[in-house]
PDB file of all heavy atoms in Angstrom:
ATOM      1  N   VAL A   1      91.509 104.132  81.646  1.00  0.00           N
ATOM      2  CA  VAL A   1      92.709 103.908  82.412  1.00  0.00           C
ATOM      3  C   VAL A   1      92.318 103.314  83.748  1.00  0.00           C
ATOM      4  O   VAL A   1      91.199 103.513  84.224  1.00  0.00           O
ATOM      5  CB  VAL A   1      93.506 105.220  82.656  1.00  0.00           C
ATOM      6  CG1 VAL A   1      94.148 105.694  81.362  1.00  0.00           C
ATOM      7  CG2 VAL A   1      92.626 106.303  83.256  1.00  0.00           C
ATOM      8  N   ALA A   2      93.246 102.562  84.359  1.00  0.00           N
ATOM      9  CA  ALA A   2      92.987 101.960  85.665  1.00  0.00           C
ATOM     10  C   ALA A   2      94.277 101.968  86.474  1.00  0.00           C
ATOM     11  O   ALA A   2      95.379 101.954  85.951  1.00  0.00           O
ATOM     12  CB  ALA A   2      92.472 100.553  85.533  1.00  0.00           C
ATOM     13  N   LEU A   3      94.124 101.972  87.787  1.00  0.00           N
ATOM     14  CA  LEU A   3      95.240 101.999  88.717  1.00  0.00           C
ATOM     15  C   LEU A   3      95.254 100.695  89.511  1.00  0.00           C
ATOM     16  O   LEU A   3      94.208 100.237  89.969  1.00  0.00           O
ATOM     17  CB  LEU A   3      95.174 103.167  89.656  1.00  0.00           C
ATOM     18  CG  LEU A   3      96.272 103.274  90.713  1.00  0.00           C
ATOM     19  CD1 LEU A   3      97.603 103.714  90.075  1.00  0.00           C
ATOM     20  CD2 LEU A   3      95.837 104.236  91.828  1.00  0.00           C
ATOM     21  N   GLU A   4      96.467 100.138  89.734  1.00  0.00           N
ATOM     22  CA  GLU A   4      96.600  98.944  90.588  1.00  0.00           C
ATOM     23  C   GLU A   4      96.595  99.402  92.048  1.00  0.00           C
ATOM     24  O   GLU A   4      97.554 100.000  92.534  1.00  0.00           O
ATOM     25  CB  GLU A   4      97.911  98.231  90.235  1.00  0.00           C
ATOM     26  CG  GLU A   4      98.152  96.979  91.025  1.00  0.00           C
ATOM     27  CD  GLU A   4      99.477  96.304  90.647  1.00  0.00           C
ATOM     28  OE1 GLU A   4     100.395  97.024  90.214  1.00  0.00           O
ATOM     29  OE2 GLU A   4      99.598  95.085  90.834  1.00  0.00           O
ATOM     30  N   ASP A   5      95.539  99.147  92.770  1.00  0.00           N
ATOM     31  CA  ASP A   5      95.398  99.578  94.139  1.00  0.00           C
ATOM     32  C   ASP A   5      96.022  98.541  95.080  1.00  0.00           C
ATOM     33  O   ASP A   5      95.951  97.336  94.833  1.00  0.00           O
ATOM     34  CB  ASP A   5      93.919  99.764  94.509  1.00  0.00           C
ATOM     35  CG  ASP A   5      93.323 101.006  93.901  1.00  0.00           C
ATOM     36  OD1 ASP A   5      94.037 102.021  93.847  1.00  0.00           O
ATOM     37  OD2 ASP A   5      92.166 100.951  93.453  1.00  0.00           O
ATOM     38  N   GLY A   6      96.607  99.018  96.188  1.00  0.00           N
ATOM     39  CA  GLY A   6      97.066  98.131  97.247  1.00  0.00           C
ATOM     40  C   GLY A   6      98.398  97.464  96.968  1.00  0.00           C
ATOM     41  O   GLY A   6      98.781  96.549  97.696  1.00  0.00           O
ATOM     42  N   ALA A   7      99.105  97.887  95.963  1.00  0.00           N
ATOM     43  CA  ALA A   7     100.401  97.251  95.638  1.00  0.00           C
ATOM     44  C   ALA A   7     101.439  97.652  96.692  1.00  0.00           C
ATOM     45  O   ALA A   7     101.480  98.770  97.159  1.00  0.00           O
ATOM     46  CB  ALA A   7     100.876  97.695  94.255  1.00  0.00           C
ATOM     47  N   THR A   8     102.304  96.659  97.068  1.00  0.00           N
ATOM     48  CA  THR A   8     103.376  96.971  98.046  1.00  0.00           C
ATOM     49  C   THR A   8     104.438  97.790  97.392  1.00  0.00           C
ATOM     50  O   THR A   8     105.120  98.583  98.056  1.00  0.00           O
ATOM     51  CB  THR A   8     103.920  95.669  98.601  1.00  0.00           C
ATOM     52  OG1 THR A   8     104.360  94.835  97.499  1.00  0.00           O
ATOM     53  CG2 THR A   8     102.874  94.892  99.379  1.00  0.00           C
ATOM     54  N   ARG A   9     104.668  97.593  96.099  1.00  0.00           N
ATOM     55  CA  ARG A   9     105.640  98.440  95.366  1.00  0.00           C
ATOM     56  C   ARG A   9     104.843  99.540  94.677  1.00  0.00           C
ATOM     57  O   ARG A   9     103.672  99.701  94.912  1.00  0.00           O
ATOM     58  CB  ARG A   9     106.414  97.574  94.365  1.00  0.00           C
ATOM     59  CG  ARG A   9     105.547  96.931  93.319  1.00  0.00           C
ATOM     60  CD  ARG A   9     106.350  95.992  92.436  1.00  0.00           C
ATOM     61  NE  ARG A   9     105.568  95.400  91.387  1.00  0.00           N
ATOM     62  CZ  ARG A   9     105.459  95.862  90.181  1.00  0.00           C
ATOM     63  NH1 ARG A   9     106.049  96.996  89.857  1.00  0.00           N
ATOM     64  NH2 ARG A   9     104.732  95.254  89.273  1.00  0.00           N
ATOM     65  N   ALA A  10     105.536 100.289  93.830  1.00  0.00           N
ATOM     66  CA  ALA A  10     104.840 101.347  93.124  1.00  0.00           C
ATOM     67  C   ALA A  10     103.719 100.762  92.263  1.00  0.00           C
ATOM     68  O   ALA A  10     103.954  99.762  91.523  1.00  0.00           O
ATOM     69  CB  ALA A  10     105.828 102.081  92.219  1.00  0.00           C
ATOM     70  N   PRO A  11     102.513 101.266  92.368  1.00  0.00           N
ATOM     71  CA  PRO A  11     101.412 100.683  91.590  1.00  0.00           C
ATOM     72  C   PRO A  11     101.589 100.905  90.107  1.00  0.00           C
ATOM     73  O   PRO A  11     102.290 101.836  89.673  1.00  0.00           O
ATOM     74  CB  PRO A  11     100.194 101.425  92.118  1.00  0.00           C
ATOM     75  CG  PRO A  11     100.729 102.740  92.639  1.00  0.00           C
ATOM     76  CD  PRO A  11     102.081 102.409  93.180  1.00  0.00           C
ATOM     77  N   ARG A  12     100.982 100.034  89.344  1.00  0.00           N
ATOM     78  CA  ARG A  12     101.032 100.136  87.905  1.00  0.00           C
ATOM     79  C   ARG A  12      99.708 100.711  87.388  1.00  0.00           C
ATOM     80  O   ARG A  12      98.734 100.754  88.104  1.00  0.00           O
ATOM     81  CB  ARG A  12     101.254  98.738  87.281  1.00  0.00           C
ATOM     82  CG  ARG A  12     102.592  98.156  87.620  1.00  0.00           C
ATOM     83  CD  ARG A  12     102.740  96.689  87.114  1.00  0.00           C
ATOM     84  NE  ARG A  12     101.906  95.798  87.890  1.00  0.00           N
ATOM     85  CZ  ARG A  12     101.924  94.479  87.738  1.00  0.00           C
ATOM     86  NH1 ARG A  12     102.709  93.926  86.804  1.00  0.00           N
ATOM     87  NH2 ARG A  12     101.156  93.685  88.460  1.00  0.00           N
ATOM     88  N   ILE A  13      99.728 101.134  86.135  1.00  0.00           N
ATOM     89  CA  ILE A  13      98.514 101.599  85.489  1.00  0.00           C
ATOM     90  C   ILE A  13      98.269 100.763  84.247  1.00  0.00           C
ATOM     91  O   ILE A  13      99.192 100.137  83.675  1.00  0.00           O
ATOM     92  CB  ILE A  13      98.644 103.103  85.103  1.00  0.00           C
ATOM     93  CG1 ILE A  13      99.790 103.296  84.096  1.00  0.00           C
ATOM     94  CG2 ILE A  13      98.814 103.969  86.318  1.00  0.00           C
ATOM     95  CD1 ILE A  13      99.832 104.737  83.535  1.00  0.00           C
ATOM     96  N   ALA A  14      97.008 100.664  83.885  1.00  0.00           N
ATOM     97  CA  ALA A  14      96.591 100.017  82.649  1.00  0.00           C
ATOM     98  C   ALA A  14      95.908 101.024  81.766  1.00  0.00           C
ATOM     99  O   ALA A  14      95.111 101.835  82.236  1.00  0.00           O
ATOM    100  CB  ALA A  14      95.667  98.845  82.932  1.00  0.00           C
ATOM    101  N   ILE A  15      96.243 100.970  80.474  1.00  0.00           N
ATOM    102  CA  ILE A  15      95.671 101.917  79.512  1.00  0.00           C
ATOM    103  C   ILE A  15      95.037 101.122  78.390  1.00  0.00           C
ATOM    104  O   ILE A  15      95.712 100.295  77.748  1.00  0.00           O
ATOM    105  CB  ILE A  15      96.758 102.839  78.897  1.00  0.00           C
ATOM    106  CG1 ILE A  15      97.486 103.590  79.995  1.00  0.00           C
ATOM    107  CG2 ILE A  15      96.135 103.782  77.900  1.00  0.00           C
ATOM    108  CD1 ILE A  15      98.775 104.282  79.507  1.00  0.00           C
ATOM    109  N   ALA A  16      93.730 101.335  78.149  1.00  0.00           N
ATOM    110  CA  ALA A  16      93.099 100.733  76.975  1.00  0.00           C
ATOM    111  C   ALA A  16      93.450 101.577  75.766  1.00  0.00           C
ATOM    112  O   ALA A  16      92.867 102.647  75.568  1.00  0.00           O
ATOM    113  CB  ALA A  16      91.603 100.669  77.192  1.00  0.00           C
ATOM    114  N   ASP A  17      94.421 101.121  74.997  1.00  0.00           N
ATOM    115  CA  ASP A  17      94.849 101.836  73.774  1.00  0.00           C
ATOM    116  C   ASP A  17      93.880 101.396  72.673  1.00  0.00           C
ATOM    117  O   ASP A  17      94.226 100.635  71.765  1.00  0.00           O
ATOM    118  CB  ASP A  17      96.302 101.476  73.468  1.00  0.00           C
ATOM    119  CG  ASP A  17      96.873 102.349  72.373  1.00  0.00           C
ATOM    120  OD1 ASP A  17      96.226 103.336  71.978  1.00  0.00           O
ATOM    121  OD2 ASP A  17      97.981 102.031  71.895  1.00  0.00           O
ATOM    122  N   THR A  18      92.661 101.913  72.734  1.00  0.00           N
ATOM    123  CA  THR A  18      91.537 101.404  71.966  1.00  0.00           C
ATOM    124  C   THR A  18      91.802 101.442  70.491  1.00  0.00           C
ATOM    125  O   THR A  18      91.515 100.456  69.759  1.00  0.00           O
ATOM    126  CB  THR A  18      90.278 102.254  72.291  1.00  0.00           C
ATOM    127  OG1 THR A  18      90.131 102.322  73.716  1.00  0.00           O
ATOM    128  CG2 THR A  18      89.059 101.636  71.687  1.00  0.00           C
ATOM    129  N   GLY A  19      92.354 102.522  69.982  1.00  0.00           N
ATOM    130  CA  GLY A  19      92.553 102.639  68.540  1.00  0.00           C
ATOM    131  C   GLY A  19      93.631 101.741  67.983  1.00  0.00           C
ATOM    132  O   GLY A  19      93.687 101.512  66.774  1.00  0.00           O
ATOM    133  N   HIS A  20      94.485 101.168  68.884  1.00  0.00           N
ATOM    134  CA  HIS A  20      95.501 100.249  68.443  1.00  0.00           C
ATOM    135  C   HIS A  20      95.212  98.791  68.829  1.00  0.00           C
ATOM    136  O   HIS A  20      96.060  97.912  68.723  1.00  0.00           O
ATOM    137  CB  HIS A  20      96.873 100.646  69.054  1.00  0.00           C
ATOM    138  CG  HIS A  20      97.458 101.876  68.453  1.00  0.00           C
ATOM    139  ND1 HIS A  20      98.321 102.710  69.139  1.00  0.00           N
ATOM    140  CD2 HIS A  20      97.290 102.456  67.239  1.00  0.00           C
ATOM    141  CE1 HIS A  20      98.672 103.698  68.359  1.00  0.00           C
ATOM    142  NE2 HIS A  20      98.055 103.587  67.204  1.00  0.00           N
ATOM    143  N   ASP A  21      93.979  98.542  69.309  1.00  0.00           N
ATOM    144  CA  ASP A  21      93.537  97.201  69.634  1.00  0.00           C
ATOM    145  C   ASP A  21      94.459  96.510  70.632  1.00  0.00           C
ATOM    146  O   ASP A  21      94.793  95.343  70.490  1.00  0.00           O
ATOM    147  CB  ASP A  21      93.414  96.354  68.348  1.00  0.00           C
ATOM    148  CG  ASP A  21      92.310  96.824  67.441  1.00  0.00           C
ATOM    149  OD1 ASP A  21      91.400  97.542  67.915  1.00  0.00           O
ATOM    150  OD2 ASP A  21      92.324  96.473  66.238  1.00  0.00           O
ATOM    151  N   ARG A  22      94.834  97.226  71.688  1.00  0.00           N
ATOM    152  CA  ARG A  22      95.706  96.630  72.662  1.00  0.00           C
ATOM    153  C   ARG A  22      95.511  97.309  74.019  1.00  0.00           C
ATOM    154  O   ARG A  22      94.888  98.389  74.157  1.00  0.00           O
ATOM    155  CB  ARG A  22      97.173  96.771  72.243  1.00  0.00           C
ATOM    156  CG  ARG A  22      97.652  98.210  72.168  1.00  0.00           C
ATOM    157  CD  ARG A  22      99.041  98.338  71.647  1.00  0.00           C
ATOM    158  NE  ARG A  22      99.456  99.741  71.574  1.00  0.00           N
ATOM    159  CZ  ARG A  22     100.630 100.182  71.168  1.00  0.00           C
ATOM    160  NH1 ARG A  22     101.531  99.344  70.758  1.00  0.00           N
ATOM    161  NH2 ARG A  22     100.908 101.488  71.128  1.00  0.00           N
ATOM    162  N   VAL A  23      96.070  96.683  75.078  1.00  0.00           N
ATOM    163  CA  VAL A  23      96.092  97.250  76.383  1.00  0.00           C
ATOM    164  C   VAL A  23      97.553  97.328  76.860  1.00  0.00           C
ATOM    165  O   VAL A  23      98.306  96.362  76.677  1.00  0.00           O
ATOM    166  CB  VAL A  23      95.295  96.409  77.393  1.00  0.00           C
ATOM    167  CG1 VAL A  23      95.434  96.922  78.809  1.00  0.00           C
ATOM    168  CG2 VAL A  23      93.818  96.390  76.995  1.00  0.00           C
ATOM    169  N   LEU A  24      97.951  98.442  77.427  1.00  0.00           N
ATOM    170  CA  LEU A  24      99.304  98.630  77.913  1.00  0.00           C
ATOM    171  C   LEU A  24      99.266  98.649  79.427  1.00  0.00           C
ATOM    172  O   LEU A  24      98.409  99.285  80.051  1.00  0.00           O
ATOM    173  CB  LEU A  24      99.906  99.946  77.414  1.00  0.00           C
ATOM    174  CG  LEU A  24      99.964 100.141  75.907  1.00  0.00           C
ATOM    175  CD1 LEU A  24     100.558 101.493  75.571  1.00  0.00           C
ATOM    176  CD2 LEU A  24     100.799  99.033  75.240  1.00  0.00           C
ATOM    177  N   VAL A  25     100.221  97.917  80.065  1.00  0.00           N
ATOM    178  CA  VAL A  25     100.434  97.994  81.483  1.00  0.00           C
ATOM    179  C   VAL A  25     101.779  98.712  81.676  1.00  0.00           C
ATOM    180  O   VAL A  25     102.809  98.296  81.118  1.00  0.00           O
ATOM    181  CB  VAL A  25     100.479  96.587  82.130  1.00  0.00           C
ATOM    182  CG1 VAL A  25     100.772  96.682  83.643  1.00  0.00           C
ATOM    183  CG2 VAL A  25      99.143  95.898  81.888  1.00  0.00           C
ATOM    184  N   ALA A  26     101.737  99.798  82.470  1.00  0.00           N
ATOM    185  CA  ALA A  26     102.911 100.669  82.541  1.00  0.00           C
ATOM    186  C   ALA A  26     103.128 101.117  83.983  1.00  0.00           C
ATOM    187  O   ALA A  26     102.266 100.958  84.872  1.00  0.00           O
ATOM    188  CB  ALA A  26     102.706 101.884  81.654  1.00  0.00           C
ATOM    189  N   THR A  27     104.301 101.676  84.213  1.00  0.00           N
ATOM    190  CA  THR A  27     104.593 102.295  85.504  1.00  0.00           C
ATOM    191  C   THR A  27     103.890 103.667  85.569  1.00  0.00           C
ATOM    192  O   THR A  27     103.361 104.167  84.576  1.00  0.00           O
ATOM    193  CB  THR A  27     106.115 102.520  85.674  1.00  0.00           C
ATOM    194  OG1 THR A  27     106.549 103.509  84.727  1.00  0.00           O
ATOM    195  CG2 THR A  27     106.882 101.224  85.429  1.00  0.00           C
ATOM    196  N   LEU A  28     103.916 104.238  86.743  1.00  0.00           N
ATOM    197  CA  LEU A  28     103.296 105.564  86.903  1.00  0.00           C
ATOM    198  C   LEU A  28     104.061 106.638  86.093  1.00  0.00           C
ATOM    199  O   LEU A  28     103.475 107.682  85.744  1.00  0.00           O
ATOM    200  CB  LEU A  28     103.299 106.001  88.356  1.00  0.00           C
ATOM    201  CG  LEU A  28     102.280 105.278  89.270  1.00  0.00           C
ATOM    202  CD1 LEU A  28     102.426 105.755  90.716  1.00  0.00           C
ATOM    203  CD2 LEU A  28     100.861 105.522  88.780  1.00  0.00           C
TER     204      LEU A  28
END
C-alpha cells in the first residue's frame, strides 16, 4: 500500500491487489 503525500485535497491511497493482477487507487 502507498499514500499520496503532500496532496492539497484528501490524499489518495494505492493498493497492489496482487492476486487480482491490478492496482487500485482509492480514497482514504
